[in-house]
Amino acid sequence: MERDPSRVVAFSDAVIAIAVTLLVLEIRPPRDTEQLFHGLATLWPSYLAYVVTFMLIGQVWANHHVMFDQIRTVDRAMLFLNTVLLMDIAFLPFAASVLAEAFREGHGQRTAVVFHGIAFGFAAILFNAIWAHARRNHRLLVTTIDAAGVRAIGRRFRLALVWIAVGTLLGALLPALGVAVIAAFIPFYWLPIRGEIAKPRRDGSGRA
């Protein structure tokens, strides 16, 4: 049975909204108010983890819309894959807290960066799985997207796999560099994808 994707998108938006809200709850205010400025300054790892993870989840949200704007109907397999994606997204605030704690304490930074990278890498895998499933089953896609648009979206999602994998591997050697590479992923992925905006098809007379 195939379903309207609007309910999938609405549910996904709600889960993503909760995930980004939970991020800020991981930042605990300093207990010593007599040295408040110093206490706030020492929380820089929490601020860093918050900003990087929030913006990455924001990209997940934006590209989720890019993907589902091109999906006309969803089947049970796509519902399952999207549910697993949301499960991973809901896990990301924990990954961010692990990253912040490791840098704050000065121990386990390599493991924390790898852990954080794997969590986002799994989301990238699921994006590719959902889009690959839609491409194989053309009936699931809107009729207004052409083959070039389908390939362009697929290329962007595949690049995410490589980019996050590189950042994760570098983080296993140099944690700060790994975080920097993953953070560099943010501005690039806010760029529009060629073909993401469906163009109206024209009939034989040249009219839309």
N, C-alpha and C. Protein backbone atom coordinates (compact mmCIF):
# COMPACT_ATOMS: atom_id res chain seq x y z
N MET A 1 0.84 -1.19 0.00
CA MET A 1 0.00 0.00 0.00
C MET A 1 0.88 1.25 0.00
N GLU A 2 0.58 2.21 -0.84
CA GLU A 2 1.34 3.44 -0.93
C GLU A 2 0.58 4.59 -0.27
N ARG A 3 1.35 5.54 0.28
CA ARG A 3 0.75 6.58 1.11
C ARG A 3 1.24 7.97 0.70
N ASP A 4 0.46 8.98 1.07
CA ASP A 4 0.83 10.37 0.86
C ASP A 4 2.05 10.68 1.75
N PRO A 5 3.12 11.27 1.19
CA PRO A 5 4.31 11.54 2.00
C PRO A 5 4.16 12.70 2.97
N SER A 6 3.06 13.46 2.89
CA SER A 6 2.93 14.65 3.75
C SER A 6 2.94 14.29 5.23
N ARG A 7 2.35 13.15 5.60
CA ARG A 7 2.34 12.75 7.01
C ARG A 7 3.73 12.30 7.44
N VAL A 8 4.48 11.68 6.53
CA VAL A 8 5.86 11.28 6.83
C VAL A 8 6.70 12.52 7.10
N VAL A 9 6.54 13.54 6.26
CA VAL A 9 7.31 14.77 6.41
C VAL A 9 6.92 15.48 7.72
N ALA A 10 5.65 15.53 8.04
CA ALA A 10 5.21 16.20 9.26
C ALA A 10 5.76 15.50 10.50
N PHE A 11 5.70 14.17 10.51
CA PHE A 11 6.25 13.41 11.65
C PHE A 11 7.76 13.61 11.75
N SER A 12 8.44 13.60 10.61
CA SER A 12 9.89 13.79 10.59
C SER A 12 10.25 15.18 11.11
N ASP A 13 9.50 16.20 10.69
CA ASP A 13 9.75 17.56 11.18
C ASP A 13 9.63 17.63 12.69
N ALA A 14 8.64 16.93 13.25
CA ALA A 14 8.43 16.95 14.70
C ALA A 14 9.60 16.31 15.44
N VAL A 15 10.07 15.17 14.93
CA VAL A 15 11.20 14.49 15.57
C VAL A 15 12.46 15.34 15.48
N ILE A 16 12.70 15.94 14.34
CA ILE A 16 13.88 16.79 14.16
C ILE A 16 13.80 18.00 15.08
N ALA A 17 12.63 18.60 15.21
CA ALA A 17 12.46 19.75 16.09
C ALA A 17 12.76 19.39 17.54
N ILE A 18 12.32 18.22 17.96
CA ILE A 18 12.60 17.77 19.33
C ILE A 18 14.10 17.54 19.51
N ALA A 19 14.75 16.95 18.51
CA ALA A 19 16.18 16.65 18.60
C ALA A 19 17.00 17.92 18.76
N VAL A 20 16.72 18.96 17.98
CA VAL A 20 17.51 20.19 18.10
C VAL A 20 17.21 20.90 19.41
N THR A 21 16.00 20.74 19.94
CA THR A 21 15.67 21.34 21.23
C THR A 21 16.44 20.66 22.35
N LEU A 22 16.56 19.34 22.26
CA LEU A 22 17.28 18.59 23.30
C LEU A 22 18.76 18.96 23.35
N LEU A 23 19.31 19.45 22.25
CA LEU A 23 20.73 19.81 22.23
C LEU A 23 21.08 20.83 23.29
N VAL A 24 20.25 21.85 23.43
CA VAL A 24 20.57 22.92 24.38
C VAL A 24 20.44 22.45 25.82
N LEU A 25 19.64 21.43 26.05
CA LEU A 25 19.46 20.92 27.41
C LEU A 25 20.72 20.23 27.91
N GLU A 26 21.64 19.87 26.98
CA GLU A 26 22.88 19.23 27.38
C GLU A 26 23.91 20.23 27.91
N ILE A 27 23.63 21.54 27.75
CA ILE A 27 24.54 22.56 28.25
C ILE A 27 24.11 22.94 29.66
N ARG A 28 24.92 22.57 30.63
CA ARG A 28 24.60 22.82 32.04
C ARG A 28 25.23 24.13 32.50
N PRO A 29 24.50 25.01 33.17
CA PRO A 29 25.09 26.26 33.66
C PRO A 29 26.11 26.00 34.76
N PRO A 30 27.13 26.86 34.87
CA PRO A 30 28.14 26.68 35.92
C PRO A 30 27.52 26.75 37.31
N ARG A 31 28.05 25.93 38.21
CA ARG A 31 27.55 25.94 39.59
C ARG A 31 28.16 27.06 40.41
N ASP A 32 29.40 27.44 40.09
CA ASP A 32 30.09 28.49 40.84
C ASP A 32 29.79 29.84 40.21
N THR A 33 28.84 30.57 40.78
CA THR A 33 28.46 31.86 40.22
C THR A 33 29.42 32.98 40.63
N GLU A 34 30.32 32.69 41.56
CA GLU A 34 31.31 33.70 41.94
C GLU A 34 32.34 33.90 40.84
N GLN A 35 32.58 32.88 40.04
CA GLN A 35 33.47 32.98 38.89
C GLN A 35 32.69 32.59 37.63
N LEU A 36 31.60 33.30 37.45
CA LEU A 36 30.66 32.93 36.39
C LEU A 36 31.27 33.06 35.00
N PHE A 37 32.01 34.14 34.77
CA PHE A 37 32.59 34.33 33.44
C PHE A 37 33.52 33.17 33.10
N HIS A 38 34.38 32.82 34.05
CA HIS A 38 35.30 31.71 33.82
C HIS A 38 34.53 30.41 33.60
N GLY A 39 33.48 30.21 34.39
CA GLY A 39 32.68 29.00 34.25
C GLY A 39 32.00 28.91 32.90
N LEU A 40 31.48 30.06 32.43
CA LEU A 40 30.84 30.08 31.12
C LEU A 40 31.86 29.84 30.00
N ALA A 41 33.06 30.41 30.18
CA ALA A 41 34.09 30.24 29.15
C ALA A 41 34.54 28.79 29.03
N THR A 42 34.59 28.10 30.16
CA THR A 42 35.05 26.71 30.12
C THR A 42 34.03 25.77 29.48
N LEU A 43 32.86 26.29 29.20
CA LEU A 43 31.83 25.48 28.53
C LEU A 43 31.97 25.51 27.01
N TRP A 44 33.09 26.06 26.50
CA TRP A 44 33.23 26.19 25.04
C TRP A 44 33.03 24.86 24.30
N PRO A 45 33.46 23.71 24.85
CA PRO A 45 33.19 22.48 24.10
C PRO A 45 31.70 22.20 23.91
N SER A 46 30.91 22.59 24.91
CA SER A 46 29.46 22.40 24.79
C SER A 46 28.88 23.32 23.73
N TYR A 47 29.38 24.58 23.70
CA TYR A 47 28.91 25.50 22.67
C TYR A 47 29.27 24.98 21.27
N LEU A 48 30.51 24.49 21.14
CA LEU A 48 30.97 23.98 19.85
C LEU A 48 30.13 22.79 19.41
N ALA A 49 29.94 21.83 20.30
CA ALA A 49 29.15 20.65 19.97
C ALA A 49 27.72 21.03 19.63
N TYR A 50 27.18 22.02 20.35
CA TYR A 50 25.82 22.49 20.10
C TYR A 50 25.69 23.09 18.71
N VAL A 51 26.59 24.01 18.37
CA VAL A 51 26.50 24.71 17.08
C VAL A 51 26.69 23.73 15.92
N VAL A 52 27.74 22.91 16.00
CA VAL A 52 28.03 21.99 14.90
C VAL A 52 26.88 21.00 14.72
N THR A 53 26.41 20.43 15.82
CA THR A 53 25.35 19.42 15.72
C THR A 53 24.03 20.04 15.30
N PHE A 54 23.72 21.24 15.82
CA PHE A 54 22.48 21.90 15.44
C PHE A 54 22.47 22.18 13.94
N MET A 55 23.58 22.71 13.42
CA MET A 55 23.63 23.04 11.99
C MET A 55 23.60 21.79 11.13
N LEU A 56 24.24 20.72 11.60
CA LEU A 56 24.20 19.47 10.84
C LEU A 56 22.79 18.88 10.82
N ILE A 57 22.11 18.93 11.97
CA ILE A 57 20.71 18.46 11.99
C ILE A 57 19.86 19.36 11.10
N GLY A 58 20.17 20.66 11.10
CA GLY A 58 19.44 21.57 10.20
C GLY A 58 19.61 21.16 8.76
N GLN A 59 20.81 20.71 8.39
CA GLN A 59 21.03 20.21 7.04
C GLN A 59 20.24 18.94 6.77
N VAL A 60 20.18 18.08 7.77
CA VAL A 60 19.37 16.87 7.63
C VAL A 60 17.92 17.26 7.33
N TRP A 61 17.42 18.25 8.07
CA TRP A 61 16.04 18.70 7.88
C TRP A 61 15.84 19.28 6.47
N ALA A 62 16.77 20.16 6.05
CA ALA A 62 16.64 20.80 4.75
C ALA A 62 16.71 19.76 3.62
N ASN A 63 17.67 18.85 3.70
CA ASN A 63 17.81 17.86 2.63
C ASN A 63 16.73 16.79 2.68
N HIS A 64 16.15 16.59 3.86
CA HIS A 64 14.99 15.70 3.95
C HIS A 64 13.84 16.29 3.15
N HIS A 65 13.67 17.60 3.24
CA HIS A 65 12.62 18.25 2.44
C HIS A 65 12.96 18.22 0.96
N VAL A 66 14.23 18.45 0.63
CA VAL A 66 14.63 18.36 -0.77
C VAL A 66 14.26 16.98 -1.35
N MET A 67 14.55 15.96 -0.57
CA MET A 67 14.28 14.60 -1.02
C MET A 67 12.78 14.33 -1.15
N PHE A 68 12.04 14.66 -0.10
CA PHE A 68 10.61 14.33 -0.12
C PHE A 68 9.79 15.27 -1.00
N ASP A 69 10.35 16.42 -1.38
CA ASP A 69 9.68 17.25 -2.39
C ASP A 69 9.59 16.51 -3.73
N GLN A 70 10.49 15.55 -3.93
CA GLN A 70 10.52 14.81 -5.19
C GLN A 70 9.87 13.43 -5.08
N ILE A 71 9.30 13.14 -3.92
CA ILE A 71 8.65 11.84 -3.71
C ILE A 71 7.14 12.03 -3.70
N ARG A 72 6.49 11.34 -4.60
CA ARG A 72 5.04 11.49 -4.77
C ARG A 72 4.26 10.62 -3.79
N THR A 73 4.79 9.43 -3.51
CA THR A 73 4.11 8.51 -2.63
C THR A 73 5.15 7.64 -1.93
N VAL A 74 4.82 7.13 -0.76
CA VAL A 74 5.77 6.30 0.00
C VAL A 74 5.18 4.91 0.20
N ASP A 75 6.06 3.91 0.19
CA ASP A 75 5.62 2.55 0.46
C ASP A 75 6.15 2.12 1.83
N ARG A 76 5.89 0.87 2.19
CA ARG A 76 6.25 0.40 3.53
C ARG A 76 7.77 0.39 3.73
N ALA A 77 8.52 0.04 2.70
CA ALA A 77 9.98 0.03 2.82
C ALA A 77 10.52 1.42 3.12
N MET A 78 9.97 2.43 2.45
CA MET A 78 10.42 3.79 2.69
C MET A 78 10.02 4.26 4.08
N LEU A 79 8.85 3.87 4.55
CA LEU A 79 8.44 4.20 5.92
C LEU A 79 9.43 3.62 6.93
N PHE A 80 9.86 2.39 6.69
CA PHE A 80 10.82 1.75 7.60
C PHE A 80 12.15 2.49 7.59
N LEU A 81 12.68 2.76 6.39
CA LEU A 81 13.96 3.45 6.29
C LEU A 81 13.90 4.83 6.93
N ASN A 82 12.81 5.54 6.73
CA ASN A 82 12.67 6.87 7.32
C ASN A 82 12.56 6.79 8.84
N THR A 83 11.92 5.75 9.35
CA THR A 83 11.82 5.56 10.79
C THR A 83 13.19 5.32 11.41
N VAL A 84 14.02 4.52 10.75
CA VAL A 84 15.37 4.27 11.24
C VAL A 84 16.19 5.57 11.19
N LEU A 85 15.98 6.37 10.13
CA LEU A 85 16.65 7.67 10.05
C LEU A 85 16.28 8.55 11.23
N LEU A 86 15.00 8.59 11.56
CA LEU A 86 14.55 9.42 12.69
C LEU A 86 15.09 8.89 14.01
N MET A 87 15.23 7.59 14.13
CA MET A 87 15.82 7.01 15.33
C MET A 87 17.25 7.51 15.50
N ASP A 88 17.98 7.57 14.40
CA ASP A 88 19.36 8.07 14.44
C ASP A 88 19.38 9.55 14.80
N ILE A 89 18.49 10.33 14.21
CA ILE A 89 18.46 11.77 14.50
C ILE A 89 18.16 12.02 15.97
N ALA A 90 17.25 11.25 16.54
CA ALA A 90 16.92 11.41 17.95
C ALA A 90 18.10 11.06 18.86
N PHE A 91 19.07 10.29 18.33
CA PHE A 91 20.25 9.88 19.08
C PHE A 91 21.35 10.95 19.06
N LEU A 92 21.28 11.87 18.11
CA LEU A 92 22.36 12.83 17.91
C LEU A 92 22.61 13.76 19.11
N PRO A 93 21.61 14.19 19.88
CA PRO A 93 21.93 14.99 21.07
C PRO A 93 22.85 14.26 22.05
N PHE A 94 22.69 12.94 22.17
CA PHE A 94 23.59 12.17 23.04
C PHE A 94 25.01 12.18 22.47
N ALA A 95 25.13 11.99 21.15
CA ALA A 95 26.45 12.03 20.52
C ALA A 95 27.11 13.38 20.74
N ALA A 96 26.32 14.45 20.67
CA ALA A 96 26.86 15.79 20.90
C ALA A 96 27.33 15.96 22.34
N SER A 97 26.59 15.42 23.29
CA SER A 97 26.98 15.54 24.69
C SER A 97 28.26 14.76 24.97
N VAL A 98 28.43 13.60 24.32
CA VAL A 98 29.66 12.82 24.46
C VAL A 98 30.85 13.62 23.92
N LEU A 99 30.66 14.26 22.76
CA LEU A 99 31.72 15.06 22.15
C LEU A 99 32.11 16.22 23.07
N ALA A 100 31.12 16.93 23.60
CA ALA A 100 31.40 18.07 24.47
C ALA A 100 32.12 17.64 25.74
N GLU A 101 31.67 16.56 26.34
CA GLU A 101 32.27 16.08 27.59
C GLU A 101 33.72 15.67 27.38
N ALA A 102 34.01 15.00 26.27
CA ALA A 102 35.38 14.56 26.00
C ALA A 102 36.33 15.73 25.86
N PHE A 103 35.92 16.76 25.12
CA PHE A 103 36.79 17.93 24.95
C PHE A 103 36.89 18.74 26.24
N ARG A 104 35.82 18.76 27.01
CA ARG A 104 35.86 19.50 28.28
C ARG A 104 36.78 18.83 29.29
N GLU A 105 36.76 17.50 29.33
CA GLU A 105 37.57 16.76 30.29
C GLU A 105 38.99 16.51 29.79
N GLY A 106 39.20 16.62 28.47
CA GLY A 106 40.53 16.40 27.92
C GLY A 106 40.90 14.95 27.72
N HIS A 107 39.93 14.07 27.76
CA HIS A 107 40.18 12.63 27.58
C HIS A 107 39.15 12.06 26.61
N GLY A 108 39.61 11.13 25.78
CA GLY A 108 38.69 10.41 24.89
C GLY A 108 38.21 11.19 23.70
N GLN A 109 38.96 12.26 23.31
CA GLN A 109 38.50 13.08 22.19
C GLN A 109 38.41 12.29 20.89
N ARG A 110 39.40 11.42 20.63
CA ARG A 110 39.37 10.65 19.39
C ARG A 110 38.12 9.78 19.31
N THR A 111 37.85 9.07 20.40
CA THR A 111 36.67 8.20 20.42
C THR A 111 35.40 9.02 20.26
N ALA A 112 35.35 10.19 20.90
CA ALA A 112 34.15 11.03 20.84
C ALA A 112 33.89 11.54 19.43
N VAL A 113 34.96 11.98 18.74
CA VAL A 113 34.79 12.48 17.38
C VAL A 113 34.35 11.35 16.44
N VAL A 114 34.96 10.19 16.59
CA VAL A 114 34.56 9.05 15.78
C VAL A 114 33.11 8.66 16.06
N PHE A 115 32.74 8.66 17.32
CA PHE A 115 31.37 8.32 17.72
C PHE A 115 30.37 9.31 17.11
N HIS A 116 30.69 10.60 17.20
CA HIS A 116 29.84 11.65 16.63
C HIS A 116 29.76 11.51 15.11
N GLY A 117 30.92 11.23 14.48
CA GLY A 117 30.94 11.08 13.03
C GLY A 117 30.16 9.87 12.55
N ILE A 118 30.27 8.77 13.29
CA ILE A 118 29.53 7.57 12.92
C ILE A 118 28.02 7.81 13.00
N ALA A 119 27.60 8.55 14.03
CA ALA A 119 26.17 8.85 14.18
C ALA A 119 25.65 9.62 12.97
N PHE A 120 26.42 10.61 12.50
CA PHE A 120 25.99 11.36 11.32
C PHE A 120 26.21 10.55 10.04
N GLY A 121 27.25 9.73 10.02
CA GLY A 121 27.47 8.88 8.86
C GLY A 121 26.33 7.91 8.64
N PHE A 122 25.77 7.40 9.73
CA PHE A 122 24.64 6.49 9.61
C PHE A 122 23.44 7.20 9.00
N ALA A 123 23.24 8.47 9.38
CA ALA A 123 22.16 9.25 8.77
C ALA A 123 22.40 9.41 7.28
N ALA A 124 23.64 9.65 6.89
CA ALA A 124 23.95 9.79 5.46
C ALA A 124 23.69 8.49 4.71
N ILE A 125 24.02 7.36 5.33
CA ILE A 125 23.74 6.06 4.72
C ILE A 125 22.24 5.90 4.48
N LEU A 126 21.45 6.29 5.45
CA LEU A 126 19.99 6.13 5.34
C LEU A 126 19.41 7.07 4.28
N PHE A 127 19.95 8.29 4.18
CA PHE A 127 19.51 9.18 3.10
C PHE A 127 19.74 8.52 1.75
N ASN A 128 20.92 7.95 1.57
CA ASN A 128 21.24 7.30 0.31
C ASN A 128 20.35 6.08 0.07
N ALA A 129 20.04 5.35 1.14
CA ALA A 129 19.17 4.18 1.00
C ALA A 129 17.76 4.58 0.59
N ILE A 130 17.24 5.64 1.21
CA ILE A 130 15.88 6.11 0.86
C ILE A 130 15.83 6.58 -0.59
N TRP A 131 16.84 7.38 -0.98
CA TRP A 131 16.84 7.91 -2.34
C TRP A 131 17.05 6.79 -3.36
N ALA A 132 17.91 5.83 -3.05
CA ALA A 132 18.13 4.71 -3.96
C ALA A 132 16.84 3.90 -4.14
N HIS A 133 16.11 3.72 -3.05
CA HIS A 133 14.85 2.99 -3.14
C HIS A 133 13.86 3.74 -4.02
N ALA A 134 13.81 5.06 -3.86
CA ALA A 134 12.90 5.87 -4.68
C ALA A 134 13.30 5.82 -6.15
N ARG A 135 14.61 5.84 -6.42
CA ARG A 135 15.08 5.80 -7.80
C ARG A 135 14.75 4.47 -8.47
N ARG A 136 14.86 3.39 -7.71
CA ARG A 136 14.56 2.07 -8.28
C ARG A 136 13.08 1.91 -8.56
N ASN A 137 12.26 2.58 -7.77
CA ASN A 137 10.81 2.48 -7.93
C ASN A 137 10.28 3.81 -8.44
N HIS A 138 10.36 4.01 -9.74
CA HIS A 138 10.06 5.32 -10.33
C HIS A 138 8.65 5.81 -10.01
N ARG A 139 7.76 4.90 -9.72
CA ARG A 139 6.39 5.32 -9.41
C ARG A 139 6.32 6.15 -8.14
N LEU A 140 7.37 6.06 -7.30
CA LEU A 140 7.38 6.81 -6.03
C LEU A 140 7.77 8.27 -6.24
N LEU A 141 8.41 8.58 -7.37
CA LEU A 141 8.89 9.94 -7.62
C LEU A 141 7.83 10.78 -8.32
N VAL A 142 7.92 12.09 -8.12
CA VAL A 142 7.03 13.00 -8.84
C VAL A 142 7.39 12.95 -10.32
N THR A 143 6.46 13.29 -11.15
CA THR A 143 6.68 13.21 -12.60
C THR A 143 7.44 14.43 -13.13
N THR A 144 7.60 15.47 -12.31
CA THR A 144 8.23 16.70 -12.78
C THR A 144 9.75 16.69 -12.65
N ILE A 145 10.33 15.71 -11.96
CA ILE A 145 11.78 15.65 -11.85
C ILE A 145 12.36 14.85 -13.00
N ASP A 146 13.41 15.39 -13.61
CA ASP A 146 14.02 14.67 -14.73
C ASP A 146 15.20 13.84 -14.24
N ALA A 147 15.80 13.09 -15.15
CA ALA A 147 16.90 12.19 -14.79
C ALA A 147 18.09 12.96 -14.25
N ALA A 148 18.36 14.15 -14.78
CA ALA A 148 19.49 14.95 -14.31
C ALA A 148 19.28 15.37 -12.85
N GLY A 149 18.05 15.75 -12.53
CA GLY A 149 17.75 16.12 -11.15
C GLY A 149 17.90 14.96 -10.19
N VAL A 150 17.46 13.80 -10.61
CA VAL A 150 17.59 12.59 -9.78
C VAL A 150 19.06 12.29 -9.53
N ARG A 151 19.87 12.40 -10.56
CA ARG A 151 21.31 12.13 -10.41
C ARG A 151 21.99 13.17 -9.53
N ALA A 152 21.58 14.44 -9.68
CA ALA A 152 22.21 15.51 -8.90
C ALA A 152 21.96 15.33 -7.41
N ILE A 153 20.74 14.99 -7.05
CA ILE A 153 20.42 14.75 -5.64
C ILE A 153 21.19 13.54 -5.13
N GLY A 154 21.25 12.49 -5.95
CA GLY A 154 22.00 11.30 -5.56
C GLY A 154 23.47 11.59 -5.34
N ARG A 155 24.07 12.42 -6.21
CA ARG A 155 25.48 12.77 -6.06
C ARG A 155 25.72 13.52 -4.75
N ARG A 156 24.83 14.46 -4.42
CA ARG A 156 24.99 15.22 -3.18
C ARG A 156 24.93 14.30 -1.98
N PHE A 157 24.02 13.35 -1.98
CA PHE A 157 23.88 12.43 -0.85
C PHE A 157 25.09 11.50 -0.75
N ARG A 158 25.62 11.06 -1.90
CA ARG A 158 26.80 10.19 -1.86
C ARG A 158 28.03 10.95 -1.38
N LEU A 159 28.14 12.21 -1.78
CA LEU A 159 29.26 13.02 -1.32
C LEU A 159 29.25 13.15 0.20
N ALA A 160 28.07 13.23 0.78
CA ALA A 160 27.96 13.33 2.24
C ALA A 160 28.62 12.13 2.91
N LEU A 161 28.43 10.95 2.33
CA LEU A 161 29.04 9.75 2.89
C LEU A 161 30.57 9.88 2.94
N VAL A 162 31.15 10.33 1.83
CA VAL A 162 32.60 10.45 1.74
C VAL A 162 33.11 11.53 2.68
N TRP A 163 32.43 12.68 2.69
CA TRP A 163 32.86 13.82 3.50
C TRP A 163 32.87 13.46 4.98
N ILE A 164 31.78 12.89 5.45
CA ILE A 164 31.69 12.54 6.88
C ILE A 164 32.68 11.43 7.21
N ALA A 165 32.86 10.48 6.31
CA ALA A 165 33.82 9.39 6.55
C ALA A 165 35.23 9.94 6.69
N VAL A 166 35.60 10.89 5.83
CA VAL A 166 36.94 11.49 5.91
C VAL A 166 37.11 12.22 7.23
N GLY A 167 36.11 13.02 7.62
CA GLY A 167 36.19 13.73 8.89
C GLY A 167 36.29 12.79 10.07
N THR A 168 35.56 11.69 10.01
CA THR A 168 35.58 10.71 11.09
C THR A 168 36.94 10.04 11.20
N LEU A 169 37.50 9.65 10.07
CA LEU A 169 38.82 9.00 10.08
C LEU A 169 39.91 9.96 10.55
N LEU A 170 39.84 11.21 10.11
CA LEU A 170 40.81 12.20 10.58
C LEU A 170 40.66 12.44 12.07
N GLY A 171 39.41 12.41 12.55
CA GLY A 171 39.16 12.60 13.97
C GLY A 171 39.77 11.51 14.83
N ALA A 172 39.94 10.32 14.25
CA ALA A 172 40.57 9.23 14.98
C ALA A 172 42.06 9.49 15.18
N LEU A 173 42.63 10.37 14.35
CA LEU A 173 44.05 10.72 14.47
C LEU A 173 44.24 12.07 15.14
N LEU A 174 43.52 13.07 14.62
CA LEU A 174 43.60 14.44 15.14
C LEU A 174 42.17 14.94 15.39
N PRO A 175 41.69 14.83 16.61
CA PRO A 175 40.28 15.15 16.90
C PRO A 175 39.85 16.53 16.43
N ALA A 176 40.66 17.56 16.68
CA ALA A 176 40.27 18.92 16.29
C ALA A 176 40.12 19.02 14.78
N LEU A 177 41.02 18.37 14.03
CA LEU A 177 40.93 18.40 12.57
C LEU A 177 39.69 17.67 12.08
N GLY A 178 39.36 16.56 12.72
CA GLY A 178 38.15 15.83 12.35
C GLY A 178 36.91 16.67 12.52
N VAL A 179 36.82 17.39 13.65
CA VAL A 179 35.67 18.27 13.89
C VAL A 179 35.64 19.38 12.85
N ALA A 180 36.82 19.94 12.51
CA ALA A 180 36.88 21.02 11.52
C ALA A 180 36.41 20.55 10.15
N VAL A 181 36.80 19.34 9.75
CA VAL A 181 36.38 18.82 8.44
C VAL A 181 34.88 18.59 8.42
N ILE A 182 34.35 18.02 9.48
CA ILE A 182 32.91 17.79 9.53
C ILE A 182 32.16 19.12 9.56
N ALA A 183 32.71 20.11 10.29
CA ALA A 183 32.07 21.43 10.35
C ALA A 183 32.10 22.11 8.99
N ALA A 184 33.16 21.87 8.20
CA ALA A 184 33.25 22.46 6.87
C ALA A 184 32.16 21.93 5.94
N PHE A 185 31.60 20.81 6.31
CA PHE A 185 30.48 20.20 5.60
C PHE A 185 29.25 21.10 5.63
N ILE A 186 29.16 21.94 6.68
CA ILE A 186 27.95 22.74 6.92
C ILE A 186 27.69 23.76 5.82
N PRO A 187 28.62 24.73 5.54
CA PRO A 187 28.30 25.73 4.52
C PRO A 187 28.09 25.15 3.13
N PHE A 188 28.85 24.12 2.78
CA PHE A 188 28.70 23.52 1.45
C PHE A 188 27.32 22.92 1.26
N TYR A 189 26.82 22.25 2.28
CA TYR A 189 25.56 21.53 2.11
C TYR A 189 24.33 22.42 2.25
N TRP A 190 24.54 23.71 2.55
CA TRP A 190 23.41 24.63 2.47
C TRP A 190 23.25 25.19 1.06
N LEU A 191 24.21 24.90 0.19
CA LEU A 191 24.08 25.33 -1.20
C LEU A 191 22.97 24.54 -1.88
N PRO A 192 22.24 25.16 -2.79
CA PRO A 192 21.16 24.43 -3.47
C PRO A 192 21.71 23.31 -4.34
N ILE A 193 20.90 22.29 -4.53
CA ILE A 193 21.26 21.17 -5.40
C ILE A 193 20.64 21.42 -6.78
N ARG A 194 21.46 21.32 -7.80
CA ARG A 194 20.94 21.49 -9.15
C ARG A 194 19.87 20.42 -9.42
N GLY A 195 18.70 20.87 -9.81
CA GLY A 195 17.63 19.94 -10.12
C GLY A 195 16.68 19.69 -8.96
N GLU A 196 16.96 20.31 -7.77
CA GLU A 196 16.08 20.05 -6.64
C GLU A 196 14.73 20.73 -6.80
N ILE A 197 14.70 21.83 -7.56
CA ILE A 197 13.44 22.51 -7.85
C ILE A 197 12.89 21.96 -9.15
N ALA A 198 11.77 21.27 -9.03
CA ALA A 198 11.20 20.63 -10.22
C ALA A 198 10.73 21.67 -11.23
N LYS A 199 11.07 21.45 -12.47
CA LYS A 199 10.62 22.33 -13.53
C LYS A 199 9.37 21.75 -14.18
N PRO A 200 8.40 22.62 -14.48
CA PRO A 200 7.20 22.10 -15.13
C PRO A 200 7.51 21.55 -16.51
N ARG A 201 6.94 20.40 -16.79
CA ARG A 201 7.14 19.80 -18.12
C ARG A 201 6.28 20.54 -19.13
N ARG A 202 6.78 20.62 -20.35
CA ARG A 202 6.04 21.30 -21.41
C ARG A 202 5.41 20.28 -22.35
N ASP A 203 4.29 20.65 -22.87
CA ASP A 203 3.65 19.74 -23.83
C ASP A 203 4.23 19.98 -25.22
N GLY A 204 3.68 19.31 -26.19
CA GLY A 204 4.23 19.40 -27.54
C GLY A 204 4.18 20.81 -28.11
N SER A 205 3.26 21.66 -27.64
CA SER A 205 3.16 23.01 -28.17
C SER A 205 4.13 23.96 -27.53
N GLY A 206 4.89 23.46 -26.52
CA GLY A 206 5.87 24.30 -25.84
C GLY A 206 5.30 24.99 -24.63
N ARG A 207 4.02 24.75 -24.31
CA ARG A 207 3.42 25.35 -23.13
C ARG A 207 3.67 24.48 -21.91
N ALA A 208 3.73 25.13 -20.73
CA ALA A 208 3.94 24.40 -19.47
C ALA A 208 2.69 23.63 -19.12
